[in-house]
Amino acid sequence: MAPDSEVIFQVHEELEGGFWAQALGHDIFTQADDLEGLKLNAAEAVRAHFSPEDRPAMVRLHLVKDILLAV
């Protein structure tokens, strides 16, 4: 089976600070204090999750941001 070209992570910002991310379609979760750390952690989690021959070439981080407005 050919590997997917990328793994997409849905990234959430914590109210208390920091970020957590979940890969869509895979059991991969990671977290970090900042976005730079999250980039490193997501790449490392993908490397650990997949064998070299099945590993996707790219990781996409999709930031989900909720904005609440009082009306």
Protein backbone atom coordinates (compact mmCIF):
# COMPACT_ATOMS: atom_id res chain seq x y z
CA MET A 1 0.00 0.00 0.00
CA ALA A 2 1.33 3.46 -0.90
CA PRO A 3 1.74 5.86 2.02
CA ASP A 4 -0.39 8.99 2.30
CA SER A 5 1.48 12.09 1.18
CA GLU A 6 0.73 13.93 4.43
CA VAL A 7 -0.69 13.63 7.91
CA ILE A 8 -3.00 16.44 8.99
CA PHE A 9 -3.08 17.48 12.65
CA GLN A 10 -5.94 19.50 14.07
CA VAL A 11 -4.26 21.93 16.49
CA HIS A 12 -6.02 23.49 19.48
CA GLU A 13 -4.79 26.29 21.71
CA GLU A 14 -5.28 25.75 25.44
CA LEU A 15 -6.85 28.56 27.47
CA GLU A 16 -4.04 28.26 30.03
CA GLY A 17 -1.39 28.38 27.30
CA GLY A 18 0.18 25.79 25.09
CA PHE A 19 -1.17 23.66 22.28
CA TRP A 20 -2.36 20.12 21.68
CA ALA A 21 -2.85 18.33 18.38
CA GLN A 22 -4.55 15.21 17.07
CA ALA A 23 -3.81 13.59 13.73
CA LEU A 24 -6.91 13.08 11.60
CA GLY A 25 -7.38 9.41 10.77
CA HIS A 26 -4.51 8.22 12.97
CA ASP A 27 -4.06 7.60 16.70
CA ILE A 28 -1.39 10.27 17.08
CA PHE A 29 -1.61 12.98 19.75
CA THR A 30 0.98 15.50 20.85
CA GLN A 31 1.29 18.75 22.81
CA ALA A 32 3.74 21.57 23.45
CA ASP A 33 4.10 24.93 25.15
CA ASP A 34 4.46 26.82 21.84
CA LEU A 35 3.96 26.32 18.10
CA GLU A 36 7.65 25.73 17.40
CA GLY A 37 7.70 22.93 19.97
CA LEU A 38 4.48 21.52 18.54
CA LYS A 39 6.03 21.38 15.06
CA LEU A 40 8.95 19.37 16.41
CA ASN A 41 6.73 17.10 18.49
CA ALA A 42 4.31 16.42 15.63
CA ALA A 43 7.13 15.48 13.26
CA GLU A 44 8.68 13.20 15.89
CA ALA A 45 5.30 11.58 16.64
CA VAL A 46 4.78 10.84 12.94
CA ARG A 47 8.28 9.36 12.64
CA ALA A 48 7.58 7.14 15.67
CA HIS A 49 4.12 6.08 14.48
CA PHE A 50 4.98 5.01 10.92
CA SER A 51 7.59 2.66 9.57
CA PRO A 52 10.04 4.34 7.19
CA GLU A 53 8.41 2.80 4.10
CA ASP A 54 4.89 3.93 5.14
CA ARG A 55 5.84 7.35 6.52
CA PRO A 56 4.15 10.37 4.89
CA ALA A 57 6.44 13.02 3.42
CA MET A 58 4.66 16.00 5.03
CA VAL A 59 2.90 17.02 8.24
CA ARG A 60 0.20 19.68 8.05
CA LEU A 61 -0.83 21.57 11.20
CA HIS A 62 -4.34 23.01 10.97
CA LEU A 63 -4.89 25.55 13.74
CA VAL A 64 -8.43 25.58 15.14
CA LYS A 65 -9.22 28.77 16.97
CA ASP A 66 -12.50 29.49 18.73
CA ILE A 67 -13.41 33.14 19.14
CA LEU A 68 -16.35 33.93 21.39
CA LEU A 69 -18.25 37.19 20.96
CA ALA A 70 -20.77 38.58 23.39
CA VAL A 71 -23.90 39.80 21.61
